[in-house]
Amino acid sequence: MKRRQWDSKTKAKIVLEGLSGKPVSELCSQYQISQNQYYQWRDKFLVEAHRAFEVKEKVGEVARLKAKAQKLQQIIGALTVELKKSEDEL
């Protein structure tokens, strides 16, 4: 039997329904998952909930690092061209 793949949005929706007060047994019957699976998703959701507030900070940092890497690559390229020119002159 083929295993179903659940996307993260659906998992979050199911967990939030459970946290809002809907009985877990009813949720599991509706989505055809085991209660054990629900509790695993819920625990992971609660442990990693703080990451929802870090996304913007990380996006800015990643953009800054990409810009810095591009600038360094340009510098390396310019130095490589100068080195080739100086080697050709000799």
PDB file of N, CA and C in Angstrom:
ATOM      1  N   MET A   1       0.834  -1.181   0.000  1.00  0.00           N
ATOM      2  CA  MET A   1       0.000   0.000   0.000  1.00  0.00           C
ATOM      3  C   MET A   1       0.878   1.244   0.000  1.00  0.00           C
ATOM      4  N   LYS A   2       0.566   2.178  -0.858  1.00  0.00           N
ATOM      5  CA  LYS A   2       1.352   3.385  -1.008  1.00  0.00           C
ATOM      6  C   LYS A   2       1.077   4.352   0.149  1.00  0.00           C
ATOM      7  N   ARG A   3       2.139   4.922   0.684  1.00  0.00           N
ATOM      8  CA  ARG A   3       1.998   5.888   1.777  1.00  0.00           C
ATOM      9  C   ARG A   3       1.604   7.246   1.210  1.00  0.00           C
ATOM     10  N   ARG A   4       0.743   7.927   1.938  1.00  0.00           N
ATOM     11  CA  ARG A   4       0.344   9.270   1.519  1.00  0.00           C
ATOM     12  C   ARG A   4       1.397  10.283   1.941  1.00  0.00           C
ATOM     13  N   GLN A   5       1.557  11.303   1.138  1.00  0.00           N
ATOM     14  CA  GLN A   5       2.462  12.392   1.459  1.00  0.00           C
ATOM     15  C   GLN A   5       1.626  13.613   1.835  1.00  0.00           C
ATOM     16  N   TRP A   6       1.830  14.128   3.013  1.00  0.00           N
ATOM     17  CA  TRP A   6       1.090  15.290   3.480  1.00  0.00           C
ATOM     18  C   TRP A   6       1.984  16.516   3.342  1.00  0.00           C
ATOM     19  N   ASP A   7       1.449  17.587   2.756  1.00  0.00           N
ATOM     20  CA  ASP A   7       2.236  18.812   2.677  1.00  0.00           C
ATOM     21  C   ASP A   7       2.171  19.542   4.015  1.00  0.00           C
ATOM     22  N   SER A   8       3.092  20.461   4.225  1.00  0.00           N
ATOM     23  CA  SER A   8       3.209  21.126   5.519  1.00  0.00           C
ATOM     24  C   SER A   8       1.985  21.963   5.857  1.00  0.00           C
ATOM     25  N   LYS A   9       1.344  22.551   4.861  1.00  0.00           N
ATOM     26  CA  LYS A   9       0.152  23.368   5.128  1.00  0.00           C
ATOM     27  C   LYS A   9      -0.997  22.518   5.649  1.00  0.00           C
ATOM     28  N   THR A  10      -1.170  21.331   5.082  1.00  0.00           N
ATOM     29  CA  THR A  10      -2.241  20.441   5.522  1.00  0.00           C
ATOM     30  C   THR A  10      -1.966  19.935   6.932  1.00  0.00           C
ATOM     31  N   LYS A  11      -0.704  19.590   7.212  1.00  0.00           N
ATOM     32  CA  LYS A  11      -0.339  19.139   8.550  1.00  0.00           C
ATOM     33  C   LYS A  11      -0.643  20.238   9.572  1.00  0.00           C
ATOM     34  N   ALA A  12      -0.246  21.466   9.254  1.00  0.00           N
ATOM     35  CA  ALA A  12      -0.484  22.585  10.178  1.00  0.00           C
ATOM     36  C   ALA A  12      -1.979  22.803  10.388  1.00  0.00           C
ATOM     37  N   LYS A  13      -2.757  22.682   9.320  1.00  0.00           N
ATOM     38  CA  LYS A  13      -4.210  22.852   9.429  1.00  0.00           C
ATOM     39  C   LYS A  13      -4.805  21.809  10.375  1.00  0.00           C
ATOM     40  N   ILE A  14      -4.385  20.570  10.224  1.00  0.00           N
ATOM     41  CA  ILE A  14      -4.901  19.484  11.059  1.00  0.00           C
ATOM     42  C   ILE A  14      -4.511  19.722  12.523  1.00  0.00           C
ATOM     43  N   VAL A  15      -3.258  20.079  12.746  1.00  0.00           N
ATOM     44  CA  VAL A  15      -2.789  20.318  14.117  1.00  0.00           C
ATOM     45  C   VAL A  15      -3.539  21.490  14.743  1.00  0.00           C
ATOM     46  N   LEU A  16      -3.731  22.558  13.986  1.00  0.00           N
ATOM     47  CA  LEU A  16      -4.443  23.716  14.527  1.00  0.00           C
ATOM     48  C   LEU A  16      -5.897  23.396  14.848  1.00  0.00           C
ATOM     49  N   GLU A  17      -6.515  22.557  14.040  1.00  0.00           N
ATOM     50  CA  GLU A  17      -7.882  22.125  14.351  1.00  0.00           C
ATOM     51  C   GLU A  17      -7.908  21.388  15.686  1.00  0.00           C
ATOM     52  N   GLY A  18      -6.917  20.543  15.908  1.00  0.00           N
ATOM     53  CA  GLY A  18      -6.843  19.807  17.167  1.00  0.00           C
ATOM     54  C   GLY A  18      -6.569  20.723  18.341  1.00  0.00           C
ATOM     55  N   LEU A  19      -5.693  21.694  18.148  1.00  0.00           N
ATOM     56  CA  LEU A  19      -5.378  22.617  19.228  1.00  0.00           C
ATOM     57  C   LEU A  19      -6.544  23.554  19.550  1.00  0.00           C
ATOM     58  N   SER A  20      -7.403  23.768  18.564  1.00  0.00           N
ATOM     59  CA  SER A  20      -8.543  24.666  18.799  1.00  0.00           C
ATOM     60  C   SER A  20      -9.687  23.980  19.537  1.00  0.00           C
ATOM     61  N   GLY A  21      -9.566  22.688  19.782  1.00  0.00           N
ATOM     62  CA  GLY A  21     -10.555  22.017  20.604  1.00  0.00           C
ATOM     63  C   GLY A  21     -11.318  20.885  19.940  1.00  0.00           C
ATOM     64  N   LYS A  22     -11.111  20.675  18.665  1.00  0.00           N
ATOM     65  CA  LYS A  22     -11.785  19.568  17.988  1.00  0.00           C
ATOM     66  C   LYS A  22     -11.224  18.250  18.520  1.00  0.00           C
ATOM     67  N   PRO A  23     -12.070  17.293  18.826  1.00  0.00           N
ATOM     68  CA  PRO A  23     -11.579  16.015  19.366  1.00  0.00           C
ATOM     69  C   PRO A  23     -10.597  15.323  18.412  1.00  0.00           C
ATOM     70  N   VAL A  24      -9.515  14.846  18.976  1.00  0.00           N
ATOM     71  CA  VAL A  24      -8.459  14.213  18.184  1.00  0.00           C
ATOM     72  C   VAL A  24      -8.985  12.979  17.465  1.00  0.00           C
ATOM     73  N   SER A  25      -9.808  12.205  18.113  1.00  0.00           N
ATOM     74  CA  SER A  25     -10.334  10.994  17.481  1.00  0.00           C
ATOM     75  C   SER A  25     -11.157  11.360  16.243  1.00  0.00           C
ATOM     76  N   GLU A  26     -11.913  12.442  16.336  1.00  0.00           N
ATOM     77  CA  GLU A  26     -12.719  12.895  15.200  1.00  0.00           C
ATOM     78  C   GLU A  26     -11.828  13.384  14.058  1.00  0.00           C
ATOM     79  N   LEU A  27     -10.783  14.124  14.402  1.00  0.00           N
ATOM     80  CA  LEU A  27      -9.830  14.607  13.388  1.00  0.00           C
ATOM     81  C   LEU A  27      -9.168  13.445  12.657  1.00  0.00           C
ATOM     82  N   CYS A  28      -8.730  12.476  13.435  1.00  0.00           N
ATOM     83  CA  CYS A  28      -8.021  11.337  12.846  1.00  0.00           C
ATOM     84  C   CYS A  28      -8.936  10.523  11.939  1.00  0.00           C
ATOM     85  N   SER A  29     -10.182  10.400  12.307  1.00  0.00           N
ATOM     86  CA  SER A  29     -11.142   9.700  11.446  1.00  0.00           C
ATOM     87  C   SER A  29     -11.395  10.490  10.169  1.00  0.00           C
ATOM     88  N   GLN A  30     -11.529  11.788  10.309  1.00  0.00           N
ATOM     89  CA  GLN A  30     -11.805  12.647   9.147  1.00  0.00           C
ATOM     90  C   GLN A  30     -10.669  12.606   8.135  1.00  0.00           C
ATOM     91  N   TYR A  31      -9.434  12.686   8.615  1.00  0.00           N
ATOM     92  CA  TYR A  31      -8.280  12.737   7.708  1.00  0.00           C
ATOM     93  C   TYR A  31      -7.625  11.375   7.504  1.00  0.00           C
ATOM     94  N   GLN A  32      -8.162  10.353   8.137  1.00  0.00           N
ATOM     95  CA  GLN A  32      -7.660   8.981   8.023  1.00  0.00           C
ATOM     96  C   GLN A  32      -6.181   8.877   8.389  1.00  0.00           C
ATOM     97  N   ILE A  33      -5.869   9.400   9.569  1.00  0.00           N
ATOM     98  CA  ILE A  33      -4.525   9.279  10.118  1.00  0.00           C
ATOM     99  C   ILE A  33      -4.642   8.659  11.502  1.00  0.00           C
ATOM    100  N   SER A  34      -3.546   8.121  11.992  1.00  0.00           N
ATOM    101  CA  SER A  34      -3.572   7.545  13.344  1.00  0.00           C
ATOM    102  C   SER A  34      -3.403   8.669  14.366  1.00  0.00           C
ATOM    103  N   GLN A  35      -3.853   8.397  15.574  1.00  0.00           N
ATOM    104  CA  GLN A  35      -3.691   9.385  16.634  1.00  0.00           C
ATOM    105  C   GLN A  35      -2.209   9.603  16.936  1.00  0.00           C
ATOM    106  N   ASN A  36      -1.441   8.538  16.812  1.00  0.00           N
ATOM    107  CA  ASN A  36      -0.005   8.649  17.021  1.00  0.00           C
ATOM    108  C   ASN A  36       0.599   9.646  16.018  1.00  0.00           C
ATOM    109  N   GLN A  37       0.162   9.570  14.765  1.00  0.00           N
ATOM    110  CA  GLN A  37       0.657  10.491  13.737  1.00  0.00           C
ATOM    111  C   GLN A  37       0.285  11.926  14.080  1.00  0.00           C
ATOM    112  N   TYR A  38      -0.951  12.127  14.511  1.00  0.00           N
ATOM    113  CA  TYR A  38      -1.393  13.475  14.886  1.00  0.00           C
ATOM    114  C   TYR A  38      -0.505  14.033  16.000  1.00  0.00           C
ATOM    115  N   TYR A  39      -0.260  13.237  17.024  1.00  0.00           N
ATOM    116  CA  TYR A  39       0.523  13.709  18.160  1.00  0.00           C
ATOM    117  C   TYR A  39       1.980  13.985  17.774  1.00  0.00           C
ATOM    118  N   GLN A  40       2.522  13.224  16.835  1.00  0.00           N
ATOM    119  CA  GLN A  40       3.873  13.508  16.336  1.00  0.00           C
ATOM    120  C   GLN A  40       3.906  14.857  15.631  1.00  0.00           C
ATOM    121  N   TRP A  41       2.911  15.093  14.763  1.00  0.00           N
ATOM    122  CA  TRP A  41       2.833  16.375  14.063  1.00  0.00           C
ATOM    123  C   TRP A  41       2.654  17.518  15.051  1.00  0.00           C
ATOM    124  N   ARG A  42       1.769  17.308  16.039  1.00  0.00           N
ATOM    125  CA  ARG A  42       1.504  18.355  17.028  1.00  0.00           C
ATOM    126  C   ARG A  42       2.765  18.698  17.809  1.00  0.00           C
ATOM    127  N   ASP A  43       3.496  17.687  18.258  1.00  0.00           N
ATOM    128  CA  ASP A  43       4.710  17.918  19.031  1.00  0.00           C
ATOM    129  C   ASP A  43       5.752  18.662  18.209  1.00  0.00           C
ATOM    130  N   LYS A  44       5.918  18.264  16.955  1.00  0.00           N
ATOM    131  CA  LYS A  44       6.883  18.948  16.082  1.00  0.00           C
ATOM    132  C   LYS A  44       6.442  20.387  15.834  1.00  0.00           C
ATOM    133  N   PHE A  45       5.157  20.585  15.629  1.00  0.00           N
ATOM    134  CA  PHE A  45       4.597  21.914  15.400  1.00  0.00           C
ATOM    135  C   PHE A  45       4.884  22.820  16.593  1.00  0.00           C
ATOM    136  N   LEU A  46       4.660  22.317  17.792  1.00  0.00           N
ATOM    137  CA  LEU A  46       4.861  23.131  18.993  1.00  0.00           C
ATOM    138  C   LEU A  46       6.340  23.402  19.265  1.00  0.00           C
ATOM    139  N   VAL A  47       7.198  22.424  18.990  1.00  0.00           N
ATOM    140  CA  VAL A  47       8.630  22.608  19.212  1.00  0.00           C
ATOM    141  C   VAL A  47       9.208  23.649  18.253  1.00  0.00           C
ATOM    142  N   GLU A  48       8.723  23.666  17.007  1.00  0.00           N
ATOM    143  CA  GLU A  48       9.295  24.553  15.995  1.00  0.00           C
ATOM    144  C   GLU A  48       8.460  25.807  15.738  1.00  0.00           C
ATOM    145  N   ALA A  49       7.508  26.089  16.602  1.00  0.00           N
ATOM    146  CA  ALA A  49       6.637  27.248  16.401  1.00  0.00           C
ATOM    147  C   ALA A  49       7.417  28.564  16.428  1.00  0.00           C
ATOM    148  N   HIS A  50       8.493  28.623  17.187  1.00  0.00           N
ATOM    149  CA  HIS A  50       9.272  29.858  17.273  1.00  0.00           C
ATOM    150  C   HIS A  50       9.886  30.264  15.937  1.00  0.00           C
ATOM    151  N   ARG A  51      10.054  29.318  15.039  1.00  0.00           N
ATOM    152  CA  ARG A  51      10.649  29.622  13.730  1.00  0.00           C
ATOM    153  C   ARG A  51       9.755  30.498  12.866  1.00  0.00           C
ATOM    154  N   ALA A  52       8.485  30.541  13.160  1.00  0.00           N
ATOM    155  CA  ALA A  52       7.562  31.371  12.387  1.00  0.00           C
ATOM    156  C   ALA A  52       7.946  32.842  12.482  1.00  0.00           C
ATOM    157  N   PHE A  53       8.612  33.214  13.556  1.00  0.00           N
ATOM    158  CA  PHE A  53       8.988  34.602  13.764  1.00  0.00           C
ATOM    159  C   PHE A  53      10.417  34.901  13.337  1.00  0.00           C
ATOM    160  N   GLU A  54      11.165  33.889  12.948  1.00  0.00           N
ATOM    161  CA  GLU A  54      12.553  34.073  12.537  1.00  0.00           C
ATOM    162  C   GLU A  54      12.705  34.197  11.026  1.00  0.00           C
ATOM    163  N   VAL A  55      11.690  33.902  10.278  1.00  0.00           N
ATOM    164  CA  VAL A  55      11.797  33.836   8.822  1.00  0.00           C
ATOM    165  C   VAL A  55      12.292  35.147   8.227  1.00  0.00           C
ATOM    166  N   LYS A  56      11.703  36.256   8.610  1.00  0.00           N
ATOM    167  CA  LYS A  56      12.084  37.546   8.032  1.00  0.00           C
ATOM    168  C   LYS A  56      13.520  37.893   8.365  1.00  0.00           C
ATOM    169  N   GLU A  57      13.946  37.575   9.569  1.00  0.00           N
ATOM    170  CA  GLU A  57      15.318  37.846   9.955  1.00  0.00           C
ATOM    171  C   GLU A  57      16.286  37.050   9.094  1.00  0.00           C
ATOM    172  N   LYS A  58      15.981  35.780   8.860  1.00  0.00           N
ATOM    173  CA  LYS A  58      16.865  34.929   8.075  1.00  0.00           C
ATOM    174  C   LYS A  58      16.873  35.336   6.608  1.00  0.00           C
ATOM    175  N   VAL A  59      15.732  35.748   6.087  1.00  0.00           N
ATOM    176  CA  VAL A  59      15.672  36.164   4.685  1.00  0.00           C
ATOM    177  C   VAL A  59      16.584  37.358   4.458  1.00  0.00           C
ATOM    178  N   GLY A  60      16.559  38.315   5.363  1.00  0.00           N
ATOM    179  CA  GLY A  60      17.430  39.483   5.264  1.00  0.00           C
ATOM    180  C   GLY A  60      18.889  39.106   5.350  1.00  0.00           C
ATOM    181  N   GLU A  61      19.206  38.186   6.232  1.00  0.00           N
ATOM    182  CA  GLU A  61      20.583  37.753   6.395  1.00  0.00           C
ATOM    183  C   GLU A  61      21.067  37.006   5.151  1.00  0.00           C
ATOM    184  N   VAL A  62      20.220  36.164   4.595  1.00  0.00           N
ATOM    185  CA  VAL A  62      20.586  35.420   3.387  1.00  0.00           C
ATOM    186  C   VAL A  62      20.828  36.391   2.228  1.00  0.00           C
ATOM    187  N   ALA A  63      19.972  37.391   2.077  1.00  0.00           N
ATOM    188  CA  ALA A  63      20.141  38.374   1.009  1.00  0.00           C
ATOM    189  C   ALA A  63      21.455  39.141   1.184  1.00  0.00           C
ATOM    190  N   ARG A  64      21.762  39.502   2.420  1.00  0.00           N
ATOM    191  CA  ARG A  64      23.005  40.232   2.694  1.00  0.00           C
ATOM    192  C   ARG A  64      24.223  39.373   2.357  1.00  0.00           C
ATOM    193  N   LEU A  65      24.173  38.091   2.737  1.00  0.00           N
ATOM    194  CA  LEU A  65      25.297  37.194   2.454  1.00  0.00           C
ATOM    195  C   LEU A  65      25.460  36.935   0.958  1.00  0.00           C
ATOM    196  N   LYS A  66      24.339  36.841   0.235  1.00  0.00           N
ATOM    197  CA  LYS A  66      24.422  36.651  -1.217  1.00  0.00           C
ATOM    198  C   LYS A  66      25.056  37.867  -1.880  1.00  0.00           C
ATOM    199  N   ALA A  67      24.675  39.065  -1.444  1.00  0.00           N
ATOM    200  CA  ALA A  67      25.249  40.289  -2.005  1.00  0.00           C
ATOM    201  C   ALA A  67      26.741  40.361  -1.722  1.00  0.00           C
ATOM    202  N   LYS A  68      27.130  39.982  -0.514  1.00  0.00           N
ATOM    203  CA  LYS A  68      28.545  39.998  -0.150  1.00  0.00           C
ATOM    204  C   LYS A  68      29.325  38.987  -0.988  1.00  0.00           C
ATOM    205  N   ALA A  69      28.758  37.802  -1.193  1.00  0.00           N
ATOM    206  CA  ALA A  69      29.416  36.776  -2.003  1.00  0.00           C
ATOM    207  C   ALA A  69      29.590  37.250  -3.445  1.00  0.00           C
ATOM    208  N   GLN A  70      28.559  37.908  -3.969  1.00  0.00           N
ATOM    209  CA  GLN A  70      28.646  38.408  -5.346  1.00  0.00           C
ATOM    210  C   GLN A  70      29.728  39.480  -5.461  1.00  0.00           C
ATOM    211  N   LYS A  71      29.816  40.353  -4.482  1.00  0.00           N
ATOM    212  CA  LYS A  71      30.845  41.398  -4.492  1.00  0.00           C
ATOM    213  C   LYS A  71      32.235  40.782  -4.438  1.00  0.00           C
ATOM    214  N   LEU A  72      32.413  39.772  -3.589  1.00  0.00           N
ATOM    215  CA  LEU A  72      33.703  39.096  -3.492  1.00  0.00           C
ATOM    216  C   LEU A  72      34.066  38.374  -4.793  1.00  0.00           C
ATOM    217  N   GLN A  73      33.074  37.789  -5.439  1.00  0.00           N
ATOM    218  CA  GLN A  73      33.336  37.127  -6.722  1.00  0.00           C
ATOM    219  C   GLN A  73      33.774  38.137  -7.779  1.00  0.00           C
ATOM    220  N   GLN A  74      33.191  39.327  -7.770  1.00  0.00           N
ATOM    221  CA  GLN A  74      33.594  40.363  -8.707  1.00  0.00           C
ATOM    222  C   GLN A  74      35.027  40.806  -8.448  1.00  0.00           C
ATOM    223  N   ILE A  75      35.386  40.941  -7.186  1.00  0.00           N
ATOM    224  CA  ILE A  75      36.746  41.329  -6.820  1.00  0.00           C
ATOM    225  C   ILE A  75      37.733  40.260  -7.267  1.00  0.00           C
ATOM    226  N   ILE A  76      37.393  38.998  -7.022  1.00  0.00           N
ATOM    227  CA  ILE A  76      38.260  37.890  -7.432  1.00  0.00           C
ATOM    228  C   ILE A  76      38.415  37.884  -8.952  1.00  0.00           C
ATOM    229  N   GLY A  77      37.314  38.122  -9.654  1.00  0.00           N
ATOM    230  CA  GLY A  77      37.375  38.166 -11.115  1.00  0.00           C
ATOM    231  C   GLY A  77      38.280  39.281 -11.607  1.00  0.00           C
ATOM    232  N   ALA A  78      38.154  40.458 -11.010  1.00  0.00           N
ATOM    233  CA  ALA A  78      38.989  41.593 -11.418  1.00  0.00           C
ATOM    234  C   ALA A  78      40.464  41.310 -11.131  1.00  0.00           C
ATOM    235  N   LEU A  79      40.757  40.729  -9.985  1.00  0.00           N
ATOM    236  CA  LEU A  79      42.141  40.400  -9.651  1.00  0.00           C
ATOM    237  C   LEU A  79      42.698  39.327 -10.577  1.00  0.00           C
ATOM    238  N   THR A  80      41.876  38.387 -10.967  1.00  0.00           N
ATOM    239  CA  THR A  80      42.308  37.342 -11.891  1.00  0.00           C
ATOM    240  C   THR A  80      42.668  37.941 -13.243  1.00  0.00           C
ATOM    241  N   VAL A  81      41.861  38.874 -13.721  1.00  0.00           N
ATOM    242  CA  VAL A  81      42.132  39.542 -14.998  1.00  0.00           C
ATOM    243  C   VAL A  81      43.439  40.315 -14.910  1.00  0.00           C
ATOM    244  N   GLU A  82      43.653  41.036 -13.821  1.00  0.00           N
ATOM    245  CA  GLU A  82      44.905  41.787 -13.642  1.00  0.00           C
ATOM    246  C   GLU A  82      46.106  40.853 -13.614  1.00  0.00           C
ATOM    247  N   LEU A  83      45.963  39.722 -12.934  1.00  0.00           N
ATOM    248  CA  LEU A  83      47.054  38.767 -12.863  1.00  0.00           C
ATOM    249  C   LEU A  83      47.391  38.215 -14.238  1.00  0.00           C
ATOM    250  N   LYS A  84      46.364  37.893 -15.022  1.00  0.00           N
ATOM    251  CA  LYS A  84      46.586  37.375 -16.383  1.00  0.00           C
ATOM    252  C   LYS A  84      47.322  38.429 -17.234  1.00  0.00           C
ATOM    253  N   LYS A  85      46.899  39.682 -17.094  1.00  0.00           N
ATOM    254  CA  LYS A  85      47.537  40.766 -17.866  1.00  0.00           C
ATOM    255  C   LYS A  85      49.001  40.900 -17.487  1.00  0.00           C
ATOM    256  N   SER A  86      49.306  40.848 -16.205  1.00  0.00           N
ATOM    257  CA  SER A  86      50.683  41.001 -15.753  1.00  0.00           C
ATOM    258  C   SER A  86      51.536  39.802 -16.194  1.00  0.00           C
ATOM    259  N   GLU A  87      50.950  38.613 -16.237  1.00  0.00           N
ATOM    260  CA  GLU A  87      51.673  37.431 -16.699  1.00  0.00           C
ATOM    261  C   GLU A  87      51.967  37.536 -18.199  1.00  0.00           C
ATOM    262  N   ASP A  88      51.007  38.076 -18.958  1.00  0.00           N
ATOM    263  CA  ASP A  88      51.172  38.207 -20.390  1.00  0.00           C
ATOM    264  C   ASP A  88      52.239  39.241 -20.732  1.00  0.00           C
ATOM    265  N   GLU A  89      52.394  40.267 -19.897  1.00  0.00           N
ATOM    266  CA  GLU A  89      53.387  41.314 -20.131  1.00  0.00           C
ATOM    267  C   GLU A  89      54.787  40.803 -19.916  1.00  0.00           C
ATOM    268  N   LEU A  90      54.932  39.786 -19.073  1.00  0.00           N
ATOM    269  CA  LEU A  90      56.268  39.257 -18.769  1.00  0.00           C
ATOM    270  C   LEU A  90      56.691  38.371 -19.871  1.00  0.00           C
TER     271      LEU A  90
END
